[in-house]
Amino acid sequence: MASQQGNDSGPGKRTAGAFDVRFIIGGLLAVYGLVLVIVAAVSDDGRSINLWAGVGMLAAALVFGAWARLRPIVIPEDFEADKKPAIH
């Protein structure tokens, strides 16, 4: 029996979309990375740790965004939003 690999989000499949936690984390990393790059650009103290940390955060944000886009979370067809999970 072969395991399902690849993109499961075909036509008619519902995905988490913008509420995927990977988009949220990637967005936060992008904002913080951009702030650090701007701080490094206007700073004249000669240290480049802000620049490298900002570039690293921007790269991580791109990885999270690509990951969420290429492998989206597919919501099962029988999922009901008002159904509460059982507590064990």
Protein backbone atom coordinates (compact mmCIF):
# COMPACT_ATOMS: atom_id res chain seq x y z
CA MET A 1 0.00 0.00 0.00
CA ALA A 2 1.55 3.26 -1.08
CA SER A 3 1.48 6.30 1.14
CA GLN A 4 0.11 9.52 -0.23
CA GLN A 5 2.89 11.90 -1.09
CA GLY A 6 2.72 15.27 -2.76
CA ASN A 7 0.07 17.90 -2.96
CA ASP A 8 -3.36 16.74 -1.75
CA SER A 9 -5.12 20.01 -2.53
CA GLY A 10 -6.87 19.18 -5.78
CA PRO A 11 -9.98 20.86 -7.15
CA GLY A 12 -12.79 20.92 -4.64
CA LYS A 13 -10.52 20.33 -1.63
CA ARG A 14 -10.73 22.83 1.23
CA THR A 15 -7.46 24.01 2.74
CA ALA A 16 -6.60 26.04 5.84
CA GLY A 17 -5.50 28.94 3.62
CA ALA A 18 -4.41 32.09 5.44
CA PHE A 19 -5.18 30.48 8.81
CA ASP A 20 -2.37 27.96 8.36
CA VAL A 21 0.04 28.50 11.26
CA ARG A 22 3.00 28.35 8.87
CA PHE A 23 1.76 31.51 7.10
CA ILE A 24 1.36 33.27 10.46
CA ILE A 25 4.85 32.30 11.64
CA GLY A 26 6.34 33.19 8.26
CA GLY A 27 4.62 36.57 8.30
CA LEU A 28 5.93 37.38 11.77
CA LEU A 29 9.45 36.32 10.79
CA ALA A 30 9.22 38.50 7.68
CA VAL A 31 8.12 41.56 9.66
CA TYR A 32 10.83 41.13 12.31
CA GLY A 33 13.45 40.39 9.64
CA LEU A 34 12.50 43.49 7.69
CA VAL A 35 12.75 45.61 10.84
CA LEU A 36 16.24 44.25 11.53
CA VAL A 37 17.39 44.91 7.97
CA ILE A 38 16.10 48.49 8.18
CA VAL A 39 17.82 49.00 11.55
CA ALA A 40 21.07 47.68 10.06
CA ALA A 41 20.71 50.01 7.07
CA VAL A 42 20.26 53.17 9.15
CA SER A 43 22.75 52.19 11.84
CA ASP A 44 26.34 53.38 11.53
CA ASP A 45 27.97 51.43 14.35
CA GLY A 46 29.80 49.02 12.00
CA ARG A 47 28.24 45.83 13.38
CA SER A 48 26.29 43.72 10.93
CA ILE A 49 24.59 41.26 13.28
CA ASN A 50 21.23 42.96 12.68
CA LEU A 51 21.69 42.61 8.94
CA TRP A 52 22.58 38.91 9.11
CA ALA A 53 19.82 38.12 11.60
CA GLY A 54 17.31 40.01 9.43
CA VAL A 55 18.40 38.24 6.25
CA GLY A 56 18.19 34.90 8.05
CA MET A 57 14.67 35.68 9.28
CA LEU A 58 13.58 36.74 5.79
CA ALA A 59 14.98 33.49 4.37
CA ALA A 60 13.16 31.48 7.04
CA ALA A 61 9.94 33.37 6.21
CA LEU A 62 10.32 32.39 2.55
CA VAL A 63 10.84 28.75 3.55
CA PHE A 64 7.71 28.77 5.73
CA GLY A 65 5.68 30.43 2.97
CA ALA A 66 6.87 27.98 0.31
CA TRP A 67 6.23 25.04 2.65
CA ALA A 68 2.67 26.19 3.35
CA ARG A 69 2.02 26.85 -0.34
CA LEU A 70 3.45 23.55 -1.61
CA ARG A 71 2.03 21.30 1.14
CA PRO A 72 -1.25 22.90 2.31
CA ILE A 73 -3.26 21.49 5.18
CA VAL A 74 -6.33 19.82 3.68
CA ILE A 75 -9.51 19.94 5.75
CA PRO A 76 -11.40 16.61 5.70
CA GLU A 77 -14.72 16.63 3.87
CA ASP A 78 -16.61 15.30 6.91
CA PHE A 79 -15.28 18.02 9.24
CA GLU A 80 -17.94 20.06 11.01
CA ALA A 81 -16.85 23.35 12.55
CA ASP A 82 -19.39 23.19 15.38
CA LYS A 83 -18.45 19.65 16.44
CA LYS A 84 -16.40 19.69 19.65
CA PRO A 85 -13.59 17.17 20.06
CA ALA A 86 -13.92 14.52 22.74
CA ILE A 87 -11.77 15.06 25.81
CA HIS A 88 -10.01 11.93 27.01
